[in-house]
Amino acid sequence: MVRYKPARADRKKKAPSGLRGAIPCIVMLVSGMALFFLLLYAILRGA
């Protein structure tokens, strides 16, 4: 009889581990820049 392997057993990792750690860093950088620009906008609008 033929034995079938699970589909996930043969898959290799497509994303390297470095990319997985870079995603939260990029999200934090973008959110920090957005907060900075919103702060500058609020300061300039109040002047």
C-alpha atoms as a PDB file:
ATOM      1  CA  MET A   1       0.000   0.000   0.000  1.00  0.00           C
ATOM      2  CA  VAL A   2       1.038   3.540  -0.694  1.00  0.00           C
ATOM      3  CA  ARG A   3       1.478   5.812   2.284  1.00  0.00           C
ATOM      4  CA  TYR A   4       0.614   9.472   1.949  1.00  0.00           C
ATOM      5  CA  LYS A   5       2.574  12.122   3.758  1.00  0.00           C
ATOM      6  CA  PRO A   6       0.881  15.210   5.205  1.00  0.00           C
ATOM      7  CA  ALA A   7       1.049  18.215   2.900  1.00  0.00           C
ATOM      8  CA  ARG A   8       2.854  20.379   5.443  1.00  0.00           C
ATOM      9  CA  ALA A   9       5.635  17.900   6.052  1.00  0.00           C
ATOM     10  CA  ASP A  10       7.266  18.528   2.670  1.00  0.00           C
ATOM     11  CA  ARG A  11       7.033  22.309   2.624  1.00  0.00           C
ATOM     12  CA  LYS A  12      10.141  24.333   3.225  1.00  0.00           C
ATOM     13  CA  LYS A  13      10.177  27.703   4.953  1.00  0.00           C
ATOM     14  CA  LYS A  14       9.782  30.388   2.312  1.00  0.00           C
ATOM     15  CA  ALA A  15      10.414  33.392   4.553  1.00  0.00           C
ATOM     16  CA  PRO A  16      13.804  33.560   6.240  1.00  0.00           C
ATOM     17  CA  SER A  17      13.872  34.144   9.987  1.00  0.00           C
ATOM     18  CA  GLY A  18      15.386  37.626   9.510  1.00  0.00           C
ATOM     19  CA  LEU A  19      12.307  38.820   7.645  1.00  0.00           C
ATOM     20  CA  ARG A  20      10.050  37.607  10.433  1.00  0.00           C
ATOM     21  CA  GLY A  21      11.935  39.819  12.917  1.00  0.00           C
ATOM     22  CA  ALA A  22      11.999  42.816  10.592  1.00  0.00           C
ATOM     23  CA  ILE A  23       8.217  43.135  10.216  1.00  0.00           C
ATOM     24  CA  PRO A  24       7.530  44.410  13.775  1.00  0.00           C
ATOM     25  CA  CYS A  25      10.465  46.786  13.476  1.00  0.00           C
ATOM     26  CA  ILE A  26       9.112  48.252  10.241  1.00  0.00           C
ATOM     27  CA  VAL A  27       5.636  48.600  11.766  1.00  0.00           C
ATOM     28  CA  MET A  28       7.053  50.441  14.786  1.00  0.00           C
ATOM     29  CA  LEU A  29       9.119  52.761  12.581  1.00  0.00           C
ATOM     30  CA  VAL A  30       6.148  53.650  10.375  1.00  0.00           C
ATOM     31  CA  SER A  31       3.863  54.238  13.368  1.00  0.00           C
ATOM     32  CA  GLY A  32       6.525  56.388  15.038  1.00  0.00           C
ATOM     33  CA  MET A  33       6.912  58.497  11.904  1.00  0.00           C
ATOM     34  CA  ALA A  34       3.137  58.891  11.649  1.00  0.00           C
ATOM     35  CA  LEU A  35       2.911  60.034  15.274  1.00  0.00           C
ATOM     36  CA  PHE A  36       5.763  62.482  14.723  1.00  0.00           C
ATOM     37  CA  PHE A  37       4.085  63.997  11.664  1.00  0.00           C
ATOM     38  CA  LEU A  38       0.762  64.223  13.492  1.00  0.00           C
ATOM     39  CA  LEU A  39       2.495  66.039  16.346  1.00  0.00           C
ATOM     40  CA  LEU A  40       4.124  68.484  13.940  1.00  0.00           C
ATOM     41  CA  TYR A  41       0.774  69.013  12.201  1.00  0.00           C
ATOM     42  CA  ALA A  42      -0.928  69.765  15.520  1.00  0.00           C
ATOM     43  CA  ILE A  43       1.797  72.224  16.498  1.00  0.00           C
ATOM     44  CA  LEU A  44       1.700  74.049  13.159  1.00  0.00           C
ATOM     45  CA  ARG A  45      -2.094  74.134  13.074  1.00  0.00           C
ATOM     46  CA  GLY A  46      -2.273  75.694  16.548  1.00  0.00           C
ATOM     47  CA  ALA A  47       0.198  78.455  15.683  1.00  0.00           C
END
